[in-house]
Amino acid sequence: MQSININIQLDNSCKTIHTFANEYRNLMQLLVNHLYLDDFGECGGMGRCCTCVVKIETIKPLSEFNSNEKRTLMRHDYNPYEVRLACQIPINNQLHLATVTII
């Protein structure tokens, strides 16, 4: 099984997290488990609260977002073409070597 390395930027620090495809249900759960973030992902991954907003820079294109994610981002005044909800991003090879900035 191929390791997935994800670079995480939070405030002024950077950390690399090593994981595997499907080890976590989504990026939100991985971030909470490794970084112990308060008030991150309050809706539990339903794509409703907009508390897990991230910017993702990756070589491989990410999966398309569903209409609920797009509506949630727009309702909270985010541009859905610039940021994503971490709860809607599956852990797979598309995230290998990605840089994730927590907003």
Protein backbone atom coordinates (compact mmCIF):
# COMPACT_ATOMS: atom_id res chain seq x y z
CA MET A 1 0.00 0.00 0.00
CA GLN A 2 1.41 3.39 -1.02
CA SER A 3 1.95 5.99 1.67
CA ILE A 4 0.26 9.37 1.23
CA ASN A 5 2.21 12.38 2.48
CA ILE A 6 0.20 15.55 3.09
CA ASN A 7 1.80 18.87 4.06
CA ILE A 8 -0.33 20.81 6.52
CA GLN A 9 0.02 24.56 7.09
CA LEU A 10 -1.57 26.02 10.18
CA ASP A 11 -0.75 29.53 11.33
CA ASN A 12 3.02 29.82 10.85
CA SER A 13 3.89 26.15 11.12
CA CYS A 14 4.07 23.29 8.65
CA LYS A 15 3.74 19.59 9.42
CA THR A 16 3.78 16.54 7.17
CA ILE A 17 1.25 13.82 7.93
CA HIS A 18 1.85 10.31 6.63
CA THR A 19 -1.25 8.20 6.01
CA PHE A 20 -2.74 5.63 3.62
CA ALA A 21 -5.74 5.65 1.30
CA ASN A 22 -8.98 5.27 3.24
CA GLU A 23 -7.21 5.18 6.62
CA TYR A 24 -9.57 8.01 7.60
CA ARG A 25 -13.07 8.63 6.26
CA ASN A 26 -12.09 12.13 5.14
CA LEU A 27 -9.49 14.87 5.45
CA MET A 28 -11.35 16.48 8.36
CA GLN A 29 -11.01 13.36 10.51
CA LEU A 30 -7.32 13.04 9.68
CA LEU A 31 -6.67 16.67 10.65
CA VAL A 32 -8.62 16.43 13.91
CA ASN A 33 -6.85 13.19 14.83
CA HIS A 34 -3.34 14.50 14.15
CA LEU A 35 -3.65 18.18 15.09
CA TYR A 36 -6.32 18.17 17.83
CA LEU A 37 -8.10 21.19 16.36
CA ASP A 38 -10.75 22.90 18.50
CA ASP A 39 -14.03 23.86 16.80
CA PHE A 40 -13.01 22.13 13.56
CA GLY A 41 -15.70 20.04 11.89
CA GLU A 42 -18.49 20.84 14.30
CA CYS A 43 -21.19 19.18 12.16
CA GLY A 44 -19.29 15.88 12.19
CA GLY A 45 -18.63 15.78 8.48
CA MET A 46 -22.07 16.57 7.10
CA GLY A 47 -20.83 19.54 5.03
CA ARG A 48 -23.14 22.02 6.76
CA CYS A 49 -21.21 24.13 9.27
CA CYS A 50 -18.23 25.39 7.24
CA THR A 51 -15.84 24.98 10.20
CA CYS A 52 -13.40 22.75 8.29
CA VAL A 53 -12.53 25.09 5.42
CA VAL A 54 -9.15 24.38 3.81
CA LYS A 55 -7.20 25.48 0.77
CA ILE A 56 -5.63 22.56 -1.08
CA GLU A 57 -2.76 22.81 -3.51
CA THR A 58 -2.15 19.53 -5.30
CA ILE A 59 -0.67 18.16 -8.47
CA LYS A 60 -3.54 15.76 -9.14
CA PRO A 61 -7.07 17.14 -9.47
CA LEU A 62 -9.34 16.52 -6.49
CA SER A 63 -12.71 14.86 -6.71
CA GLU A 64 -15.54 17.14 -7.75
CA PHE A 65 -17.46 18.70 -4.91
CA ASN A 66 -21.08 17.86 -4.40
CA SER A 67 -23.79 20.50 -4.53
CA ASN A 68 -24.12 20.59 -0.72
CA GLU A 69 -20.45 21.54 -0.33
CA LYS A 70 -20.70 24.29 -2.93
CA ARG A 71 -23.89 25.72 -1.37
CA THR A 72 -22.40 25.63 2.12
CA LEU A 73 -19.25 27.47 1.03
CA MET A 74 -21.22 30.12 -0.86
CA ARG A 75 -23.67 30.58 2.04
CA HIS A 76 -20.67 31.39 4.28
CA ASP A 77 -19.15 33.79 1.72
CA TYR A 78 -16.35 31.50 0.52
CA ASN A 79 -15.46 31.04 -3.13
CA PRO A 80 -15.93 27.30 -3.84
CA TYR A 81 -13.25 27.48 -6.52
CA GLU A 82 -10.61 28.57 -3.99
CA VAL A 83 -11.36 26.48 -0.89
CA ARG A 84 -12.93 23.16 0.05
CA LEU A 85 -14.58 21.55 3.07
CA ALA A 86 -12.15 19.02 4.55
CA CYS A 87 -15.07 16.77 5.50
CA GLN A 88 -15.86 16.28 1.81
CA ILE A 89 -12.33 15.29 0.73
CA PRO A 90 -11.62 11.53 0.77
CA ILE A 91 -8.17 10.33 1.75
CA ASN A 92 -6.75 8.91 -1.46
CA ASN A 93 -3.72 9.21 -3.75
CA GLN A 94 -4.96 12.55 -5.10
CA LEU A 95 -3.76 14.10 -1.82
CA HIS A 96 -0.21 12.69 -2.07
CA LEU A 97 2.25 15.60 -1.78
CA ALA A 98 -0.61 18.10 -1.47
CA THR A 99 -0.33 21.20 0.69
CA VAL A 100 -3.37 21.80 2.85
CA THR A 101 -3.77 25.20 4.48
CA ILE A 102 -6.28 25.35 7.31
CA ILE A 103 -8.33 28.54 7.02
